[in-house]
Amino acid sequence: MSADPPQAQKKFQEKYGLPFTLLADTDKKVCEAFGVIKEKNMYGKKVKGIARITFVIGPDGKIAHVFNNVKADGHAEGVLAYLKSAA
């Protein structure tokens, strides 16, 4: 999920051939509810932005695990390893 508009999400989905729908949170209500709006440094200025955090939500609807400070490289593999070990 990101704050990008649905059109941008659809373009990203098609570009990478993702077999699922991406969710847009343009008003950032979900981001605020999950506490991912954080203060960041951008070019030496403090700004509010969305932190890259992955939440694993269990079958019961509760957060089972949180990956903070996510970097794209290797992240999918790390999440997959967690899911396999948690099963």
PDB file of N, CA and C in Angstrom:
ATOM      1  N   MET A   1       0.852  -1.165   0.000  1.00  0.00           N
ATOM      2  CA  MET A   1       0.000   0.000   0.000  1.00  0.00           C
ATOM      3  C   MET A   1       0.897   1.226   0.000  1.00  0.00           C
ATOM      4  N   SER A   2       0.490   2.231  -0.734  1.00  0.00           N
ATOM      5  CA  SER A   2       1.210   3.497  -0.719  1.00  0.00           C
ATOM      6  C   SER A   2       0.219   4.634  -0.901  1.00  0.00           C
ATOM      7  N   ALA A   3       0.705   5.852  -0.778  1.00  0.00           N
ATOM      8  CA  ALA A   3      -0.146   7.023  -0.954  1.00  0.00           C
ATOM      9  C   ALA A   3      -0.251   7.434  -2.424  1.00  0.00           C
ATOM     10  N   ASP A   4       0.367   6.668  -3.309  1.00  0.00           N
ATOM     11  CA  ASP A   4       0.250   6.967  -4.743  1.00  0.00           C
ATOM     12  C   ASP A   4      -1.191   6.743  -5.201  1.00  0.00           C
ATOM     13  N   PRO A   5      -1.631   7.500  -6.199  1.00  0.00           N
ATOM     14  CA  PRO A   5      -3.006   7.317  -6.694  1.00  0.00           C
ATOM     15  C   PRO A   5      -3.184   5.963  -7.386  1.00  0.00           C
ATOM     16  N   PRO A   6      -4.415   5.479  -7.475  1.00  0.00           N
ATOM     17  CA  PRO A   6      -4.679   4.173  -8.092  1.00  0.00           C
ATOM     18  C   PRO A   6      -4.098   4.025  -9.498  1.00  0.00           C
ATOM     19  N   GLN A   7      -4.093   5.102 -10.277  1.00  0.00           N
ATOM     20  CA  GLN A   7      -3.556   5.014 -11.639  1.00  0.00           C
ATOM     21  C   GLN A   7      -2.063   4.668 -11.609  1.00  0.00           C
ATOM     22  N   ALA A   8      -1.329   5.265 -10.685  1.00  0.00           N
ATOM     23  CA  ALA A   8       0.106   4.987 -10.555  1.00  0.00           C
ATOM     24  C   ALA A   8       0.315   3.556 -10.060  1.00  0.00           C
ATOM     25  N   GLN A   9      -0.533   3.106  -9.146  1.00  0.00           N
ATOM     26  CA  GLN A   9      -0.443   1.742  -8.641  1.00  0.00           C
ATOM     27  C   GLN A   9      -0.660   0.739  -9.778  1.00  0.00           C
ATOM     28  N   LYS A  10      -1.663   1.002 -10.611  1.00  0.00           N
ATOM     29  CA  LYS A  10      -1.978   0.106 -11.734  1.00  0.00           C
ATOM     30  C   LYS A  10      -0.810   0.042 -12.708  1.00  0.00           C
ATOM     31  N   LYS A  11      -0.200   1.180 -12.994  1.00  0.00           N
ATOM     32  CA  LYS A  11       0.949   1.231 -13.900  1.00  0.00           C
ATOM     33  C   LYS A  11       2.114   0.406 -13.337  1.00  0.00           C
ATOM     34  N   PHE A  12       2.384   0.539 -12.045  1.00  0.00           N
ATOM     35  CA  PHE A  12       3.443  -0.221 -11.380  1.00  0.00           C
ATOM     36  C   PHE A  12       3.129  -1.716 -11.437  1.00  0.00           C
ATOM     37  N   GLN A  13       1.885  -2.071 -11.151  1.00  0.00           N
ATOM     38  CA  GLN A  13       1.454  -3.468 -11.182  1.00  0.00           C
ATOM     39  C   GLN A  13       1.681  -4.070 -12.565  1.00  0.00           C
ATOM     40  N   GLU A  14       1.294  -3.349 -13.605  1.00  0.00           N
ATOM     41  CA  GLU A  14       1.451  -3.839 -14.973  1.00  0.00           C
ATOM     42  C   GLU A  14       2.921  -3.919 -15.372  1.00  0.00           C
ATOM     43  N   LYS A  15       3.707  -2.913 -14.989  1.00  0.00           N
ATOM     44  CA  LYS A  15       5.132  -2.882 -15.342  1.00  0.00           C
ATOM     45  C   LYS A  15       5.859  -4.108 -14.805  1.00  0.00           C
ATOM     46  N   TYR A  16       5.525  -4.513 -13.587  1.00  0.00           N
ATOM     47  CA  TYR A  16       6.226  -5.625 -12.951  1.00  0.00           C
ATOM     48  C   TYR A  16       5.438  -6.937 -12.986  1.00  0.00           C
ATOM     49  N   GLY A  17       4.299  -6.944 -13.674  1.00  0.00           N
ATOM     50  CA  GLY A  17       3.516  -8.163 -13.837  1.00  0.00           C
ATOM     51  C   GLY A  17       3.034  -8.760 -12.525  1.00  0.00           C
ATOM     52  N   LEU A  18       2.645  -7.910 -11.597  1.00  0.00           N
ATOM     53  CA  LEU A  18       2.195  -8.393 -10.294  1.00  0.00           C
ATOM     54  C   LEU A  18       0.803  -9.010 -10.419  1.00  0.00           C
ATOM     55  N   PRO A  19       0.614 -10.206  -9.857  1.00  0.00           N
ATOM     56  CA  PRO A  19      -0.672 -10.900 -10.008  1.00  0.00           C
ATOM     57  C   PRO A  19      -1.702 -10.537  -8.936  1.00  0.00           C
ATOM     58  N   PHE A  20      -1.558  -9.360  -8.352  1.00  0.00           N
ATOM     59  CA  PHE A  20      -2.487  -8.933  -7.311  1.00  0.00           C
ATOM     60  C   PHE A  20      -2.695  -7.426  -7.417  1.00  0.00           C
ATOM     61  N   THR A  21      -3.763  -6.957  -6.833  1.00  0.00           N
ATOM     62  CA  THR A  21      -4.096  -5.537  -6.841  1.00  0.00           C
ATOM     63  C   THR A  21      -3.329  -4.814  -5.738  1.00  0.00           C
ATOM     64  N   LEU A  22      -2.744  -3.680  -6.068  1.00  0.00           N
ATOM     65  CA  LEU A  22      -2.061  -2.850  -5.075  1.00  0.00           C
ATOM     66  C   LEU A  22      -3.069  -1.869  -4.493  1.00  0.00           C
ATOM     67  N   LEU A  23      -2.918  -1.567  -3.230  1.00  0.00           N
ATOM     68  CA  LEU A  23      -3.860  -0.687  -2.553  1.00  0.00           C
ATOM     69  C   LEU A  23      -3.310   0.727  -2.449  1.00  0.00           C
ATOM     70  N   ALA A  24      -4.164   1.713  -2.711  1.00  0.00           N
ATOM     71  CA  ALA A  24      -3.787   3.119  -2.627  1.00  0.00           C
ATOM     72  C   ALA A  24      -4.403   3.742  -1.381  1.00  0.00           C
ATOM     73  N   ASP A  25      -3.609   4.544  -0.697  1.00  0.00           N
ATOM     74  CA  ASP A  25      -4.056   5.243   0.516  1.00  0.00           C
ATOM     75  C   ASP A  25      -3.775   6.732   0.327  1.00  0.00           C
ATOM     76  N   THR A  26      -4.447   7.328  -0.657  1.00  0.00           N
ATOM     77  CA  THR A  26      -4.133   8.707  -1.028  1.00  0.00           C
ATOM     78  C   THR A  26      -4.401   9.712   0.080  1.00  0.00           C
ATOM     79  N   ASP A  27      -5.338   9.413   0.966  1.00  0.00           N
ATOM     80  CA  ASP A  27      -5.601  10.345   2.068  1.00  0.00           C
ATOM     81  C   ASP A  27      -4.786  10.005   3.321  1.00  0.00           C
ATOM     82  N   LYS A  28      -3.995   8.942   3.241  1.00  0.00           N
ATOM     83  CA  LYS A  28      -3.051   8.506   4.284  1.00  0.00           C
ATOM     84  C   LYS A  28      -3.728   8.115   5.601  1.00  0.00           C
ATOM     85  N   LYS A  29      -4.986   7.777   5.558  1.00  0.00           N
ATOM     86  CA  LYS A  29      -5.684   7.364   6.783  1.00  0.00           C
ATOM     87  C   LYS A  29      -5.163   6.031   7.308  1.00  0.00           C
ATOM     88  N   VAL A  30      -4.914   5.084   6.408  1.00  0.00           N
ATOM     89  CA  VAL A  30      -4.381   3.787   6.830  1.00  0.00           C
ATOM     90  C   VAL A  30      -2.949   3.955   7.335  1.00  0.00           C
ATOM     91  N   CYS A  31      -2.159   4.774   6.647  1.00  0.00           N
ATOM     92  CA  CYS A  31      -0.778   5.045   7.081  1.00  0.00           C
ATOM     93  C   CYS A  31      -0.764   5.621   8.498  1.00  0.00           C
ATOM     94  N   GLU A  32      -1.672   6.536   8.757  1.00  0.00           N
ATOM     95  CA  GLU A  32      -1.752   7.129  10.096  1.00  0.00           C
ATOM     96  C   GLU A  32      -2.193   6.091  11.124  1.00  0.00           C
ATOM     97  N   ALA A  33      -3.152   5.249  10.768  1.00  0.00           N
ATOM     98  CA  ALA A  33      -3.643   4.229  11.693  1.00  0.00           C
ATOM     99  C   ALA A  33      -2.546   3.224  12.055  1.00  0.00           C
ATOM    100  N   PHE A  34      -1.664   2.920  11.096  1.00  0.00           N
ATOM    101  CA  PHE A  34      -0.579   1.968  11.339  1.00  0.00           C
ATOM    102  C   PHE A  34       0.685   2.655  11.869  1.00  0.00           C
ATOM    103  N   GLY A  35       0.655   3.972  12.003  1.00  0.00           N
ATOM    104  CA  GLY A  35       1.784   4.692  12.582  1.00  0.00           C
ATOM    105  C   GLY A  35       3.030   4.723  11.721  1.00  0.00           C
ATOM    106  N   VAL A  36       2.849   4.760  10.402  1.00  0.00           N
ATOM    107  CA  VAL A  36       4.020   4.746   9.518  1.00  0.00           C
ATOM    108  C   VAL A  36       4.395   6.129   8.978  1.00  0.00           C
ATOM    109  N   ILE A  37       3.665   7.169   9.374  1.00  0.00           N
ATOM    110  CA  ILE A  37       4.053   8.532   9.003  1.00  0.00           C
ATOM    111  C   ILE A  37       5.143   8.941   9.996  1.00  0.00           C
ATOM    112  N   LYS A  38       6.337   9.151   9.471  1.00  0.00           N
ATOM    113  CA  LYS A  38       7.500   9.425  10.320  1.00  0.00           C
ATOM    114  C   LYS A  38       8.221  10.674   9.840  1.00  0.00           C
ATOM    115  N   GLU A  39       9.006  11.264  10.729  1.00  0.00           N
ATOM    116  CA  GLU A  39       9.858  12.382  10.352  1.00  0.00           C
ATOM    117  C   GLU A  39      11.108  11.817   9.684  1.00  0.00           C
ATOM    118  N   LYS A  40      11.457  12.394   8.538  1.00  0.00           N
ATOM    119  CA  LYS A  40      12.612  11.928   7.769  1.00  0.00           C
ATOM    120  C   LYS A  40      13.499  13.116   7.431  1.00  0.00           C
ATOM    121  N   ASN A  41      14.739  12.827   7.086  1.00  0.00           N
ATOM    122  CA  ASN A  41      15.648  13.847   6.573  1.00  0.00           C
ATOM    123  C   ASN A  41      15.719  13.706   5.065  1.00  0.00           C
ATOM    124  N   MET A  42      15.385  14.773   4.352  1.00  0.00           N
ATOM    125  CA  MET A  42      15.469  14.755   2.897  1.00  0.00           C
ATOM    126  C   MET A  42      16.292  15.961   2.466  1.00  0.00           C
ATOM    127  N   TYR A  43      17.486  15.670   1.980  1.00  0.00           N
ATOM    128  CA  TYR A  43      18.400  16.731   1.544  1.00  0.00           C
ATOM    129  C   TYR A  43      18.644  17.739   2.664  1.00  0.00           C
ATOM    130  N   GLY A  44      18.801  17.227   3.881  1.00  0.00           N
ATOM    131  CA  GLY A  44      19.099  18.078   5.021  1.00  0.00           C
ATOM    132  C   GLY A  44      17.906  18.752   5.668  1.00  0.00           C
ATOM    133  N   LYS A  45      16.711  18.540   5.130  1.00  0.00           N
ATOM    134  CA  LYS A  45      15.501  19.134   5.705  1.00  0.00           C
ATOM    135  C   LYS A  45      14.665  18.035   6.336  1.00  0.00           C
ATOM    136  N   LYS A  46      14.039  18.359   7.459  1.00  0.00           N
ATOM    137  CA  LYS A  46      13.142  17.408   8.113  1.00  0.00           C
ATOM    138  C   LYS A  46      11.762  17.515   7.473  1.00  0.00           C
ATOM    139  N   VAL A  47      11.248  16.375   7.037  1.00  0.00           N
ATOM    140  CA  VAL A  47       9.932  16.308   6.409  1.00  0.00           C
ATOM    141  C   VAL A  47       9.181  15.102   6.965  1.00  0.00           C
ATOM    142  N   LYS A  48       7.873  15.133   6.864  1.00  0.00           N
ATOM    143  CA  LYS A  48       7.053  13.975   7.240  1.00  0.00           C
ATOM    144  C   LYS A  48       6.863  13.126   5.994  1.00  0.00           C
ATOM    145  N   GLY A  49       7.038  11.826   6.154  1.00  0.00           N
ATOM    146  CA  GLY A  49       6.870  10.914   5.029  1.00  0.00           C
ATOM    147  C   GLY A  49       6.464   9.540   5.513  1.00  0.00           C
ATOM    148  N   ILE A  50       6.224   8.665   4.569  1.00  0.00           N
ATOM    149  CA  ILE A  50       5.811   7.303   4.888  1.00  0.00           C
ATOM    150  C   ILE A  50       7.059   6.438   4.995  1.00  0.00           C
ATOM    151  N   ALA A  51       7.247   5.824   6.155  1.00  0.00           N
ATOM    152  CA  ALA A  51       8.369   4.916   6.368  1.00  0.00           C
ATOM    153  C   ALA A  51       8.073   3.597   5.668  1.00  0.00           C
ATOM    154  N   ARG A  52       9.111   2.986   5.130  1.00  0.00           N
ATOM    155  CA  ARG A  52       8.942   1.673   4.490  1.00  0.00           C
ATOM    156  C   ARG A  52       8.958   0.601   5.563  1.00  0.00           C
ATOM    157  N   ILE A  53       7.792   0.081   5.824  1.00  0.00           N
ATOM    158  CA  ILE A  53       7.601  -0.924   6.860  1.00  0.00           C
ATOM    159  C   ILE A  53       6.694  -1.998   6.277  1.00  0.00           C
ATOM    160  N   THR A  54       7.026  -3.257   6.553  1.00  0.00           N
ATOM    161  CA  THR A  54       6.181  -4.359   6.118  1.00  0.00           C
ATOM    162  C   THR A  54       5.520  -4.981   7.337  1.00  0.00           C
ATOM    163  N   PHE A  55       4.208  -5.145   7.253  1.00  0.00           N
ATOM    164  CA  PHE A  55       3.446  -5.803   8.306  1.00  0.00           C
ATOM    165  C   PHE A  55       2.987  -7.158   7.793  1.00  0.00           C
ATOM    166  N   VAL A  56       3.242  -8.198   8.561  1.00  0.00           N
ATOM    167  CA  VAL A  56       2.701  -9.517   8.256  1.00  0.00           C
ATOM    168  C   VAL A  56       1.452  -9.652   9.119  1.00  0.00           C
ATOM    169  N   ILE A  57       0.322  -9.820   8.460  1.00  0.00           N
ATOM    170  CA  ILE A  57      -0.953  -9.919   9.165  1.00  0.00           C
ATOM    171  C   ILE A  57      -1.414 -11.369   9.118  1.00  0.00           C
ATOM    172  N   GLY A  58      -1.643 -11.925  10.295  1.00  0.00           N
ATOM    173  CA  GLY A  58      -2.013 -13.336  10.405  1.00  0.00           C
ATOM    174  C   GLY A  58      -3.452 -13.603  10.012  1.00  0.00           C
ATOM    175  N   PRO A  59      -3.805 -14.879   9.935  1.00  0.00           N
ATOM    176  CA  PRO A  59      -5.175 -15.266   9.566  1.00  0.00           C
ATOM    177  C   PRO A  59      -6.223 -14.710  10.527  1.00  0.00           C
ATOM    178  N   ASP A  60      -5.794 -14.389  11.759  1.00  0.00           N
ATOM    179  CA  ASP A  60      -6.723 -13.844  12.746  1.00  0.00           C
ATOM    180  C   ASP A  60      -6.903 -12.330  12.606  1.00  0.00           C
ATOM    181  N   GLY A  61      -6.205 -11.733  11.621  1.00  0.00           N
ATOM    182  CA  GLY A  61      -6.318 -10.297  11.389  1.00  0.00           C
ATOM    183  C   GLY A  61      -5.404  -9.458  12.264  1.00  0.00           C
ATOM    184  N   LYS A  62      -4.584 -10.104  13.086  1.00  0.00           N
ATOM    185  CA  LYS A  62      -3.660  -9.391  13.968  1.00  0.00           C
ATOM    186  C   LYS A  62      -2.267  -9.326  13.341  1.00  0.00           C
ATOM    187  N   ILE A  63      -1.526  -8.290  13.699  1.00  0.00           N
ATOM    188  CA  ILE A  63      -0.163  -8.146  13.193  1.00  0.00           C
ATOM    189  C   ILE A  63       0.706  -9.227  13.831  1.00  0.00           C
ATOM    190  N   ALA A  64       1.289 -10.068  12.988  1.00  0.00           N
ATOM    191  CA  ALA A  64       2.110 -11.176  13.465  1.00  0.00           C
ATOM    192  C   ALA A  64       3.588 -10.791  13.522  1.00  0.00           C
ATOM    193  N   HIS A  65       4.005  -9.881  12.643  1.00  0.00           N
ATOM    194  CA  HIS A  65       5.420  -9.489  12.592  1.00  0.00           C
ATOM    195  C   HIS A  65       5.538  -8.149  11.870  1.00  0.00           C
ATOM    196  N   VAL A  66       6.550  -7.377  12.265  1.00  0.00           N
ATOM    197  CA  VAL A  66       6.808  -6.079  11.627  1.00  0.00           C
ATOM    198  C   VAL A  66       8.257  -6.043  11.169  1.00  0.00           C
ATOM    199  N   PHE A  67       8.464  -5.689   9.911  1.00  0.00           N
ATOM    200  CA  PHE A  67       9.802  -5.454   9.366  1.00  0.00           C
ATOM    201  C   PHE A  67       9.965  -3.947   9.258  1.00  0.00           C
ATOM    202  N   ASN A  68      10.850  -3.366  10.065  1.00  0.00           N
ATOM    203  CA  ASN A  68      11.096  -1.924  10.043  1.00  0.00           C
ATOM    204  C   ASN A  68      12.267  -1.588   9.126  1.00  0.00           C
ATOM    205  N   ASN A  69      12.340  -0.337   8.721  1.00  0.00           N
ATOM    206  CA  ASN A  69      13.458   0.173   7.907  1.00  0.00           C
ATOM    207  C   ASN A  69      13.735  -0.713   6.698  1.00  0.00           C
ATOM    208  N   VAL A  70      12.712  -1.005   5.939  1.00  0.00           N
ATOM    209  CA  VAL A  70      12.799  -1.911   4.798  1.00  0.00           C
ATOM    210  C   VAL A  70      13.628  -1.309   3.665  1.00  0.00           C
ATOM    211  N   LYS A  71      14.520  -2.123   3.127  1.00  0.00           N
ATOM    212  CA  LYS A  71      15.265  -1.816   1.901  1.00  0.00           C
ATOM    213  C   LYS A  71      14.797  -2.830   0.862  1.00  0.00           C
ATOM    214  N   ALA A  72      14.607  -2.381  -0.360  1.00  0.00           N
ATOM    215  CA  ALA A  72      14.048  -3.252  -1.398  1.00  0.00           C
ATOM    216  C   ALA A  72      14.921  -4.482  -1.660  1.00  0.00           C
ATOM    217  N   ASP A  73      16.235  -4.298  -1.748  1.00  0.00           N
ATOM    218  CA  ASP A  73      17.129  -5.415  -2.066  1.00  0.00           C
ATOM    219  C   ASP A  73      17.060  -6.495  -0.991  1.00  0.00           C
ATOM    220  N   GLY A  74      16.631  -7.679  -1.380  1.00  0.00           N
ATOM    221  CA  GLY A  74      16.591  -8.821  -0.494  1.00  0.00           C
ATOM    222  C   GLY A  74      15.400  -8.884   0.442  1.00  0.00           C
ATOM    223  N   HIS A  75      14.563  -7.856   0.428  1.00  0.00           N
ATOM    224  CA  HIS A  75      13.454  -7.832   1.385  1.00  0.00           C
ATOM    225  C   HIS A  75      12.437  -8.946   1.128  1.00  0.00           C
ATOM    226  N   ALA A  76      12.077  -9.152  -0.106  1.00  0.00           N
ATOM    227  CA  ALA A  76      11.087 -10.196  -0.419  1.00  0.00           C
ATOM    228  C   ALA A  76      11.575 -11.555   0.062  1.00  0.00           C
ATOM    229  N   GLU A  77      12.855 -11.820  -0.122  1.00  0.00           N
ATOM    230  CA  GLU A  77      13.424 -13.090   0.318  1.00  0.00           C
ATOM    231  C   GLU A  77      13.369 -13.214   1.844  1.00  0.00           C
ATOM    232  N   GLY A  78      13.628 -12.097   2.543  1.00  0.00           N
ATOM    233  CA  GLY A  78      13.560 -12.095   3.998  1.00  0.00           C
ATOM    234  C   GLY A  78      12.162 -12.349   4.511  1.00  0.00           C
ATOM    235  N   VAL A  79      11.179 -11.738   3.862  1.00  0.00           N
ATOM    236  CA  VAL A  79       9.779 -11.948   4.261  1.00  0.00           C
ATOM    237  C   VAL A  79       9.381 -13.402   3.998  1.00  0.00           C
ATOM    238  N   LEU A  80       9.767 -13.925   2.843  1.00  0.00           N
ATOM    239  CA  LEU A  80       9.446 -15.313   2.510  1.00  0.00           C
ATOM    240  C   LEU A  80      10.078 -16.267   3.531  1.00  0.00           C
ATOM    241  N   ALA A  81      11.323 -16.019   3.900  1.00  0.00           N
ATOM    242  CA  ALA A  81      11.992 -16.865   4.901  1.00  0.00           C
ATOM    243  C   ALA A  81      11.241 -16.804   6.231  1.00  0.00           C
ATOM    244  N   TYR A  82      10.809 -15.618   6.617  1.00  0.00           N
ATOM    245  CA  TYR A  82      10.040 -15.475   7.869  1.00  0.00           C
ATOM    246  C   TYR A  82       8.750 -16.291   7.773  1.00  0.00           C
ATOM    247  N   LEU A  83       8.027 -16.142   6.667  1.00  0.00           N
ATOM    248  CA  LEU A  83       6.747 -16.844   6.518  1.00  0.00           C
ATOM    249  C   LEU A  83       6.929 -18.363   6.563  1.00  0.00           C
ATOM    250  N   LYS A  84       8.007 -18.850   5.951  1.00  0.00           N
ATOM    251  CA  LYS A  84       8.268 -20.291   5.975  1.00  0.00           C
ATOM    252  C   LYS A  84       8.594 -20.762   7.389  1.00  0.00           C
ATOM    253  N   SER A  85       9.359 -19.963   8.122  1.00  0.00           N
ATOM    254  CA  SER A  85       9.747 -20.364   9.476  1.00  0.00           C
ATOM    255  C   SER A  85       8.587 -20.244  10.465  1.00  0.00           C
ATOM    256  N   ALA A  86       7.647 -19.366  10.190  1.00  0.00           N
ATOM    257  CA  ALA A  86       6.511 -19.144  11.085  1.00  0.00           C
ATOM    258  C   ALA A  86       5.387 -20.162  10.859  1.00  0.00           C
ATOM    259  N   ALA A  87       5.472 -20.873   9.746  1.00  0.00           N
ATOM    260  CA  ALA A  87       4.387 -21.828   9.400  1.00  0.00           C
ATOM    261  C   ALA A  87       4.419 -23.069  10.249  1.00  0.00           C
TER     262      ALA A  87
END
